[in-house]
Every structure is written in C-alpha cells, then in structure tokens.
PDB file of N, CA and C in Angstrom:
ATOM      1  N   UNK A   1      73.412  90.874 125.297  1.00  0.00           N
ATOM      2  CA  UNK A   1      74.421  91.922 125.314  1.00  0.00           C
ATOM      3  C   UNK A   1      75.059  92.016 123.920  1.00  0.00           C
ATOM      4  N   UNK A   2      75.238  93.212 123.445  1.00  0.00           N
ATOM      5  CA  UNK A   2      75.876  93.438 122.145  1.00  0.00           C
ATOM      6  C   UNK A   2      77.384  93.614 122.332  1.00  0.00           C
ATOM      7  N   UNK A   3      78.156  92.987 121.463  1.00  0.00           N
ATOM      8  CA  UNK A   3      79.615  93.110 121.508  1.00  0.00           C
ATOM      9  C   UNK A   3      80.036  94.508 121.071  1.00  0.00           C
ATOM     10  N   UNK A   4      81.028  95.076 121.759  1.00  0.00           N
ATOM     11  CA  UNK A   4      81.616  96.351 121.371  1.00  0.00           C
ATOM     12  C   UNK A   4      82.943  96.029 120.698  1.00  0.00           C
ATOM     13  N   UNK A   5      83.089  96.461 119.432  1.00  0.00           N
ATOM     14  CA  UNK A   5      84.266  96.080 118.646  1.00  0.00           C
ATOM     15  C   UNK A   5      84.873  97.285 117.931  1.00  0.00           C
ATOM     16  N   UNK A   6      86.130  97.109 117.503  1.00  0.00           N
ATOM     17  CA  UNK A   6      86.768  98.037 116.581  1.00  0.00           C
ATOM     18  C   UNK A   6      87.031  97.246 115.303  1.00  0.00           C
ATOM     19  N   UNK A   7      86.473  97.726 114.193  1.00  0.00           N
ATOM     20  CA  UNK A   7      86.652  97.077 112.899  1.00  0.00           C
ATOM     21  C   UNK A   7      87.654  97.894 112.087  1.00  0.00           C
ATOM     22  N   UNK A   8      88.710  97.253 111.629  1.00  0.00           N
ATOM     23  CA  UNK A   8      89.666  97.875 110.721  1.00  0.00           C
ATOM     24  C   UNK A   8      89.326  97.375 109.327  1.00  0.00           C
ATOM     25  N   UNK A   9      89.160  98.316 108.387  1.00  0.00           N
ATOM     26  CA  UNK A   9      88.706  97.928 107.052  1.00  0.00           C
ATOM     27  C   UNK A   9      89.290  98.847 105.991  1.00  0.00           C
ATOM     28  N   UNK A  10      89.333  98.338 104.779  1.00  0.00           N
ATOM     29  CA  UNK A  10      89.833  99.101 103.638  1.00  0.00           C
ATOM     30  C   UNK A  10      88.640  99.699 102.905  1.00  0.00           C
ATOM     31  N   UNK A  11      88.653 101.020 102.729  1.00  0.00           N
ATOM     32  CA  UNK A  11      87.521 101.720 102.118  1.00  0.00           C
ATOM     33  C   UNK A  11      87.677 101.817 100.598  1.00  0.00           C
ATOM     34  N   UNK A  12      86.570 101.748  99.910  1.00  0.00           N
ATOM     35  CA  UNK A  12      86.552 102.049  98.473  1.00  0.00           C
ATOM     36  C   UNK A  12      86.688 103.564  98.334  1.00  0.00           C
ATOM     37  N   UNK A  13      87.156 104.015  97.187  1.00  0.00           N
ATOM     38  CA  UNK A  13      87.429 105.443  97.054  1.00  0.00           C
ATOM     39  C   UNK A  13      87.167 105.908  95.624  1.00  0.00           C
ATOM     40  N   UNK A  14      86.781 107.157  95.506  1.00  0.00           N
ATOM     41  CA  UNK A  14      86.603 107.799  94.199  1.00  0.00           C
ATOM     42  C   UNK A  14      87.442 109.058  94.185  1.00  0.00           C
ATOM     43  N   UNK A  15      88.039 109.374  93.036  1.00  0.00           N
ATOM     44  CA  UNK A  15      88.916 110.537  92.939  1.00  0.00           C
ATOM     45  C   UNK A  15      88.641 111.264  91.626  1.00  0.00           C
ATOM     46  N   UNK A  16      88.670 112.575  91.668  1.00  0.00           N
ATOM     47  CA  UNK A  16      88.482 113.385  90.463  1.00  0.00           C
ATOM     48  C   UNK A  16      87.322 114.337  90.619  1.00  0.00           C
ATOM     49  N   UNK A  17      87.241 115.243  89.664  1.00  0.00           N
ATOM     50  CA  UNK A  17      86.200 116.268  89.662  1.00  0.00           C
ATOM     51  C   UNK A  17      85.161 115.932  88.596  1.00  0.00           C
ATOM     52  N   UNK A  18      83.996 116.539  88.692  1.00  0.00           N
ATOM     53  CA  UNK A  18      82.978 116.406  87.655  1.00  0.00           C
ATOM     54  C   UNK A  18      83.531 117.021  86.383  1.00  0.00           C
ATOM     55  N   UNK A  19      83.352 116.354  85.279  1.00  0.00           N
ATOM     56  CA  UNK A  19      83.896 116.861  84.019  1.00  0.00           C
ATOM     57  C   UNK A  19      85.207 116.175  83.695  1.00  0.00           C
ATOM     58  N   UNK A  20      86.045 116.838  82.930  1.00  0.00           N
ATOM     59  CA  UNK A  20      87.298 116.252  82.484  1.00  0.00           C
ATOM     60  C   UNK A  20      88.360 116.334  83.567  1.00  0.00           C
ATOM     61  N   UNK A  21      89.193 115.274  83.648  1.00  0.00           N
ATOM     62  CA  UNK A  21      90.299 115.208  84.600  1.00  0.00           C
ATOM     63  C   UNK A  21      91.588 114.916  83.841  1.00  0.00           C
ATOM     64  N   UNK A  22      92.697 115.343  84.400  1.00  0.00           N
ATOM     65  CA  UNK A  22      94.004 115.100  83.812  1.00  0.00           C
ATOM     66  C   UNK A  22      94.370 113.621  83.979  1.00  0.00           C
ATOM     67  N   UNK A  23      94.557 112.906  82.872  1.00  0.00           N
ATOM     68  CA  UNK A  23      94.827 111.477  82.896  1.00  0.00           C
ATOM     69  C   UNK A  23      96.109 111.159  83.670  1.00  0.00           C
ATOM     70  N   UNK A  24      97.132 111.975  83.532  1.00  0.00           N
ATOM     71  CA  UNK A  24      98.390 111.741  84.242  1.00  0.00           C
ATOM     72  C   UNK A  24      98.171 111.793  85.752  1.00  0.00           C
ATOM     73  N   UNK A  25      97.408 112.771  86.211  1.00  0.00           N
ATOM     74  CA  UNK A  25      97.095 112.910  87.629  1.00  0.00           C
ATOM     75  C   UNK A  25      96.261 111.718  88.123  1.00  0.00           C
ATOM     76  N   UNK A  26      95.293 111.299  87.333  1.00  0.00           N
ATOM     77  CA  UNK A  26      94.438 110.159  87.691  1.00  0.00           C
ATOM     78  C   UNK A  26      95.275 108.892  87.812  1.00  0.00           C
ATOM     79  N   UNK A  27      96.176 108.653  86.852  1.00  0.00           N
ATOM     80  CA  UNK A  27      97.023 107.458  86.891  1.00  0.00           C
ATOM     81  C   UNK A  27      97.947 107.472  88.109  1.00  0.00           C
ATOM     82  N   UNK A  28      98.461 108.649  88.464  1.00  0.00           N
ATOM     83  CA  UNK A  28      99.329 108.770  89.640  1.00  0.00           C
ATOM     84  C   UNK A  28      98.533 108.421  90.907  1.00  0.00           C
ATOM     85  N   UNK A  29      97.328 108.956  91.005  1.00  0.00           N
ATOM     86  CA  UNK A  29      96.486 108.693  92.176  1.00  0.00           C
ATOM     87  C   UNK A  29      96.027 107.234  92.212  1.00  0.00           C
ATOM     88  N   UNK A  30      95.821 106.633  91.051  1.00  0.00           N
ATOM     89  CA  UNK A  30      95.345 105.246  90.956  1.00  0.00           C
ATOM     90  C   UNK A  30      96.299 104.267  91.633  1.00  0.00           C
ATOM     91  N   UNK A  31      97.580 104.598  91.708  1.00  0.00           N
ATOM     92  CA  UNK A  31      98.579 103.717  92.308  1.00  0.00           C
ATOM     93  C   UNK A  31      98.577 103.760  93.832  1.00  0.00           C
ATOM     94  N   UNK A  32      97.970 104.794  94.409  1.00  0.00           N
ATOM     95  CA  UNK A  32      97.937 104.924  95.868  1.00  0.00           C
ATOM     96  C   UNK A  32      96.997 103.864  96.452  1.00  0.00           C
ATOM     97  N   UNK A  33      97.346 103.319  97.635  1.00  0.00           N
ATOM     98  CA  UNK A  33      96.453 102.338  98.262  1.00  0.00           C
ATOM     99  C   UNK A  33      95.155 102.991  98.733  1.00  0.00           C
ATOM    100  N   UNK A  34      94.124 102.193  98.791  1.00  0.00           N
ATOM    101  CA  UNK A  34      92.851 102.672  99.348  1.00  0.00           C
ATOM    102  C   UNK A  34      93.052 102.957 100.838  1.00  0.00           C
ATOM    103  N   UNK A  35      92.286 103.886 101.408  1.00  0.00           N
ATOM    104  CA  UNK A  35      92.479 104.248 102.812  1.00  0.00           C
ATOM    105  C   UNK A  35      92.041 103.137 103.768  1.00  0.00           C
ATOM    106  N   UNK A  36      92.812 102.999 104.850  1.00  0.00           N
ATOM    107  CA  UNK A  36      92.444 102.081 105.931  1.00  0.00           C
ATOM    108  C   UNK A  36      91.645 102.877 106.950  1.00  0.00           C
ATOM    109  N   UNK A  37      90.494 102.346 107.322  1.00  0.00           N
ATOM    110  CA  UNK A  37      89.592 103.021 108.251  1.00  0.00           C
ATOM    111  C   UNK A  37      89.412 102.175 109.502  1.00  0.00           C
ATOM    112  N   UNK A  38      89.019 102.810 110.604  1.00  0.00           N
ATOM    113  CA  UNK A  38      88.686 102.108 111.844  1.00  0.00           C
ATOM    114  C   UNK A  38      87.320 102.600 112.297  1.00  0.00           C
ATOM    115  N   UNK A  39      86.450 101.670 112.608  1.00  0.00           N
ATOM    116  CA  UNK A  39      85.110 101.987 113.083  1.00  0.00           C
ATOM    117  C   UNK A  39      84.875 101.267 114.400  1.00  0.00           C
ATOM    118  N   UNK A  40      84.376 101.987 115.404  1.00  0.00           N
ATOM    119  CA  UNK A  40      84.045 101.409 116.702  1.00  0.00           C
ATOM    120  C   UNK A  40      82.532 101.398 116.835  1.00  0.00           C
ATOM    121  N   UNK A  41      81.974 100.277 117.300  1.00  0.00           N
ATOM    122  CA  UNK A  41      80.535 100.231 117.484  1.00  0.00           C
ATOM    123  C   UNK A  41      80.057  98.932 118.099  1.00  0.00           C
ATOM    124  N   UNK A  42      78.753  98.923 118.383  1.00  0.00           N
ATOM    125  CA  UNK A  42      78.089  97.738 118.910  1.00  0.00           C
ATOM    126  C   UNK A  42      77.592  96.898 117.740  1.00  0.00           C
ATOM    127  N   UNK A  43      77.876  95.608 117.768  1.00  0.00           N
ATOM    128  CA  UNK A  43      77.481  94.709 116.687  1.00  0.00           C
ATOM    129  C   UNK A  43      76.000  94.373 116.856  1.00  0.00           C
ATOM    130  N   UNK A  44      75.184  94.736 115.862  1.00  0.00           N
ATOM    131  CA  UNK A  44      73.766  94.380 115.877  1.00  0.00           C
ATOM    132  C   UNK A  44      73.468  93.269 114.869  1.00  0.00           C
ATOM    133  N   UNK A  45      74.442  92.997 113.982  1.00  0.00           N
ATOM    134  CA  UNK A  45      74.313  91.886 113.022  1.00  0.00           C
ATOM    135  C   UNK A  45      75.695  91.577 112.461  1.00  0.00           C
ATOM    136  N   UNK A  46      75.958  90.277 112.278  1.00  0.00           N
ATOM    137  CA  UNK A  46      77.191  89.862 111.611  1.00  0.00           C
ATOM    138  C   UNK A  46      76.894  88.594 110.828  1.00  0.00           C
ATOM    139  N   UNK A  47      77.299  88.595 109.552  1.00  0.00           N
ATOM    140  CA  UNK A  47      77.088  87.428 108.692  1.00  0.00           C
ATOM    141  C   UNK A  47      78.319  87.234 107.817  1.00  0.00           C
ATOM    142  N   UNK A  48      78.266  86.272 106.930  1.00  0.00           N
ATOM    143  CA  UNK A  48      79.370  86.030 106.003  1.00  0.00           C
ATOM    144  C   UNK A  48      79.526  87.178 105.016  1.00  0.00           C
ATOM    145  N   UNK A  49      78.489  88.011 104.840  1.00  0.00           N
ATOM    146  CA  UNK A  49      78.527  89.082 103.841  1.00  0.00           C
ATOM    147  C   UNK A  49      78.880  90.454 104.402  1.00  0.00           C
ATOM    148  N   UNK A  50      78.481  90.750 105.661  1.00  0.00           N
ATOM    149  CA  UNK A  50      78.772  92.066 106.231  1.00  0.00           C
ATOM    150  C   UNK A  50      78.610  92.071 107.749  1.00  0.00           C
ATOM    151  N   UNK A  51      79.148  93.138 108.367  1.00  0.00           N
ATOM    152  CA  UNK A  51      78.927  93.395 109.787  1.00  0.00           C
ATOM    153  C   UNK A  51      78.168  94.715 109.887  1.00  0.00           C
ATOM    154  N   UNK A  52      77.231  94.802 110.831  1.00  0.00           N
ATOM    155  CA  UNK A  52      76.426  96.011 111.031  1.00  0.00           C
ATOM    156  C   UNK A  52      76.669  96.532 112.442  1.00  0.00           C
ATOM    157  N   UNK A  53      77.002  97.832 112.535  1.00  0.00           N
ATOM    158  CA  UNK A  53      77.342  98.453 113.814  1.00  0.00           C
ATOM    159  C   UNK A  53      76.511  99.702 114.058  1.00  0.00           C
ATOM    160  N   UNK A  54      76.254  99.975 115.334  1.00  0.00           N
ATOM    161  CA  UNK A  54      75.698 101.266 115.753  1.00  0.00           C
ATOM    162  C   UNK A  54      76.635 101.831 116.807  1.00  0.00           C
ATOM    163  N   UNK A  55      76.772 103.158 116.862  1.00  0.00           N
ATOM    164  CA  UNK A  55      77.694 103.765 117.823  1.00  0.00           C
ATOM    165  C   UNK A  55      77.034 104.045 119.165  1.00  0.00           C
ATOM    166  N   UNK A  56      75.727 104.184 119.165  1.00  0.00           N
ATOM    167  CA  UNK A  56      74.984 104.461 120.391  1.00  0.00           C
ATOM    168  C   UNK A  56      73.815 103.503 120.463  1.00  0.00           C
ATOM    169  N   UNK A  57      73.593 102.930 121.637  1.00  0.00           N
ATOM    170  CA  UNK A  57      72.587 101.868 121.773  1.00  0.00           C
ATOM    171  C   UNK A  57      71.832 102.015 123.075  1.00  0.00           C
ATOM    172  N   UNK A  58      70.519 102.121 122.985  1.00  0.00           N
ATOM    173  CA  UNK A  58      69.649 102.148 124.154  1.00  0.00           C
ATOM    174  C   UNK A  58      68.772 100.915 124.154  1.00  0.00           C
ATOM    175  N   UNK A  59      67.793 100.877 125.073  1.00  0.00           N
ATOM    176  CA  UNK A  59      66.900  99.715 125.136  1.00  0.00           C
ATOM    177  C   UNK A  59      66.000  99.626 123.904  1.00  0.00           C
ATOM    178  N   UNK A  60      65.510 100.783 123.428  1.00  0.00           N
ATOM    179  CA  UNK A  60      64.582 100.781 122.289  1.00  0.00           C
ATOM    180  C   UNK A  60      65.027 101.676 121.143  1.00  0.00           C
ATOM    181  N   UNK A  61      66.136 102.399 121.301  1.00  0.00           N
ATOM    182  CA  UNK A  61      66.605 103.300 120.257  1.00  0.00           C
ATOM    183  C   UNK A  61      68.092 103.080 120.015  1.00  0.00           C
ATOM    184  N   UNK A  62      68.541 103.568 118.864  1.00  0.00           N
ATOM    185  CA  UNK A  62      69.976 103.491 118.554  1.00  0.00           C
ATOM    186  C   UNK A  62      70.318 104.577 117.539  1.00  0.00           C
ATOM    187  N   UNK A  63      71.614 104.737 117.311  1.00  0.00           N
ATOM    188  CA  UNK A  63      72.093 105.690 116.312  1.00  0.00           C
ATOM    189  C   UNK A  63      71.918 105.097 114.913  1.00  0.00           C
ATOM    190  N   UNK A  64      72.431 105.773 113.921  1.00  0.00           N
ATOM    191  CA  UNK A  64      72.361 105.248 112.559  1.00  0.00           C
ATOM    192  C   UNK A  64      73.197 103.977 112.445  1.00  0.00           C
ATOM    193  N   UNK A  65      72.891 103.178 111.451  1.00  0.00           N
ATOM    194  CA  UNK A  65      73.535 101.893 111.218  1.00  0.00           C
ATOM    195  C   UNK A  65      74.649 102.037 110.188  1.00  0.00           C
ATOM    196  N   UNK A  66      75.783 101.414 110.453  1.00  0.00           N
ATOM    197  CA  UNK A  66      76.884 101.376 109.488  1.00  0.00           C
ATOM    198  C   UNK A  66      77.130  99.916 109.121  1.00  0.00           C
ATOM    199  N   UNK A  67      77.081  99.615 107.822  1.00  0.00           N
ATOM    200  CA  UNK A  67      77.314  98.257 107.324  1.00  0.00           C
ATOM    201  C   UNK A  67      78.637  98.219 106.573  1.00  0.00           C
ATOM    202  N   UNK A  68      79.496  97.255 106.929  1.00  0.00           N
ATOM    203  CA  UNK A  68      80.804  97.112 106.291  1.00  0.00           C
ATOM    204  C   UNK A  68      80.861  95.738 105.636  1.00  0.00           C
ATOM    205  N   UNK A  69      81.074  95.677 104.315  1.00  0.00           N
ATOM    206  CA  UNK A  69      81.167  94.384 103.640  1.00  0.00           C
ATOM    207  C   UNK A  69      82.338  93.557 104.183  1.00  0.00           C
ATOM    208  N   UNK A  70      82.131  92.273 104.355  1.00  0.00           N
ATOM    209  CA  UNK A  70      83.158  91.374 104.879  1.00  0.00           C
ATOM    210  C   UNK A  70      84.442  91.435 104.061  1.00  0.00           C
ATOM    211  N   UNK A  71      84.328  91.580 102.741  1.00  0.00           N
ATOM    212  CA  UNK A  71      85.515  91.614 101.885  1.00  0.00           C
ATOM    213  C   UNK A  71      86.406  92.816 102.185  1.00  0.00           C
ATOM    214  N   UNK A  72      85.860  93.872 102.791  1.00  0.00           N
ATOM    215  CA  UNK A  72      86.625  95.081 103.114  1.00  0.00           C
ATOM    216  C   UNK A  72      87.363  94.949 104.451  1.00  0.00           C
ATOM    217  N   UNK A  73      86.963  93.989 105.301  1.00  0.00           N
ATOM    218  CA  UNK A  73      87.439  93.900 106.683  1.00  0.00           C
ATOM    219  C   UNK A  73      88.831  93.294 106.769  1.00  0.00           C
ATOM    220  N   UNK A  74      89.703  93.987 107.518  1.00  0.00           N
ATOM    221  CA  UNK A  74      91.053  93.503 107.812  1.00  0.00           C
ATOM    222  C   UNK A  74      91.053  92.777 109.149  1.00  0.00           C
ATOM    223  N   UNK A  75      90.394  93.367 110.167  1.00  0.00           N
ATOM    224  CA  UNK A  75      90.339  92.747 111.489  1.00  0.00           C
ATOM    225  C   UNK A  75      89.144  93.261 112.270  1.00  0.00           C
ATOM    226  N   UNK A  76      88.727  92.455 113.247  1.00  0.00           N
ATOM    227  CA  UNK A  76      87.680  92.834 114.201  1.00  0.00           C
ATOM    228  C   UNK A  76      88.244  92.551 115.583  1.00  0.00           C
ATOM    229  N   UNK A  77      88.383  93.604 116.399  1.00  0.00           N
ATOM    230  CA  UNK A  77      88.934  93.454 117.743  1.00  0.00           C
ATOM    231  C   UNK A  77      87.870  93.737 118.790  1.00  0.00           C
ATOM    232  N   UNK A  78      87.698  92.800 119.719  1.00  0.00           N
ATOM    233  CA  UNK A  78      86.756  92.977 120.829  1.00  0.00           C
ATOM    234  C   UNK A  78      87.304  94.049 121.764  1.00  0.00           C
ATOM    235  N   UNK A  79      86.489  95.022 122.137  1.00  0.00           N
ATOM    236  CA  UNK A  79      86.927  96.085 123.049  1.00  0.00           C
ATOM    237  C   UNK A  79      86.524  95.801 124.482  1.00  0.00           C
ATOM    238  N   UNK A  80      85.407  95.125 124.673  1.00  0.00           N
ATOM    239  CA  UNK A  80      84.953  94.752 126.017  1.00  0.00           C
ATOM    240  C   UNK A  80      84.624  93.275 125.974  1.00  0.00           C
ATOM    241  N   UNK A  81      85.299  92.508 126.787  1.00  0.00           N
ATOM    242  CA  UNK A  81      85.039  91.068 126.878  1.00  0.00           C
ATOM    243  C   UNK A  81      83.914  90.853 127.895  1.00  0.00           C
ATOM    244  N   UNK A  82      83.023  89.902 127.594  1.00  0.00           N
ATOM    245  CA  UNK A  82      81.982  89.563 128.541  1.00  0.00           C
ATOM    246  C   UNK A  82      82.598  88.849 129.749  1.00  0.00           C
ATOM    247  N   UNK A  83      82.153  89.228 130.946  1.00  0.00           N
ATOM    248  CA  UNK A  83      82.655  88.596 132.159  1.00  0.00           C
ATOM    249  C   UNK A  83      81.825  87.362 132.472  1.00  0.00           C
ATOM    250  N   UNK A  84      82.442  86.302 133.001  1.00  0.00           N
ATOM    251  CA  UNK A  84      81.657  85.141 133.422  1.00  0.00           C
ATOM    252  C   UNK A  84      80.677  85.560 134.522  1.00  0.00           C
ATOM    253  N   UNK A  85      79.535  84.877 134.638  1.00  0.00           N
ATOM    254  CA  UNK A  85      78.507  85.230 135.620  1.00  0.00           C
ATOM    255  C   UNK A  85      79.052  85.303 137.053  1.00  0.00           C
ATOM    256  N   UNK A  86      80.059  84.495 137.382  1.00  0.00           N
ATOM    257  CA  UNK A  86      80.626  84.478 138.732  1.00  0.00           C
ATOM    258  C   UNK A  86      81.275  85.813 139.090  1.00  0.00           C
ATOM    259  N   UNK A  87      81.717  86.573 138.099  1.00  0.00           N
ATOM    260  CA  UNK A  87      82.398  87.849 138.373  1.00  0.00           C
ATOM    261  C   UNK A  87      81.441  89.030 138.396  1.00  0.00           C
ATOM    262  N   UNK A  88      80.179  88.840 138.059  1.00  0.00           N
ATOM    263  CA  UNK A  88      79.242  89.958 138.019  1.00  0.00           C
ATOM    264  C   UNK A  88      78.847  90.424 139.389  1.00  0.00           C
TER     265      UNK A  88
END
C-alpha cells in the first residue's frame, strides 16, 4: 500500500523578464520569501535526497511523477493511516 501524504515545501523561484530588468524592482522582490507550496500524493519513493509522489495510482498505471528535494520540505503529513489487520 502506498502512503497518501500532504507535503509542505518551499519552492525555488525566478523573477523578471527576458532582457533588461529594473535593479530597484529586482532588489525589492529579492527580499520577499520564496512561496510555500502544498502537494498531495501517493509516495512511490522516499530517500534522504527527495520524495516522489503521484496524484493518481492504479495497479499498472499512474499519473506524472513529482519529485521534491528533501532540503525544500517543511513537513510531511499522513492523510490516511493504515489500519491494523484486525480492523479490516
């Protein structure tokens, strides 16, 4: 059984247009915190370097894979706890 989790993580970000940008505007934006994101999915891999999630999971097929580097992760919350066999 694959764990269903919600991962809260801080995203990397890029700001500005192609070509020249106003340095004052860039410096102002540079002080803003990176966005906090939340991703819900089934864990298909987890290691010290990253977690890999899919949003849809079948017996032989799945949706696209999303990989989040461990350094970006703030928290991982279990959404569905496995029940002991006696309760099944």
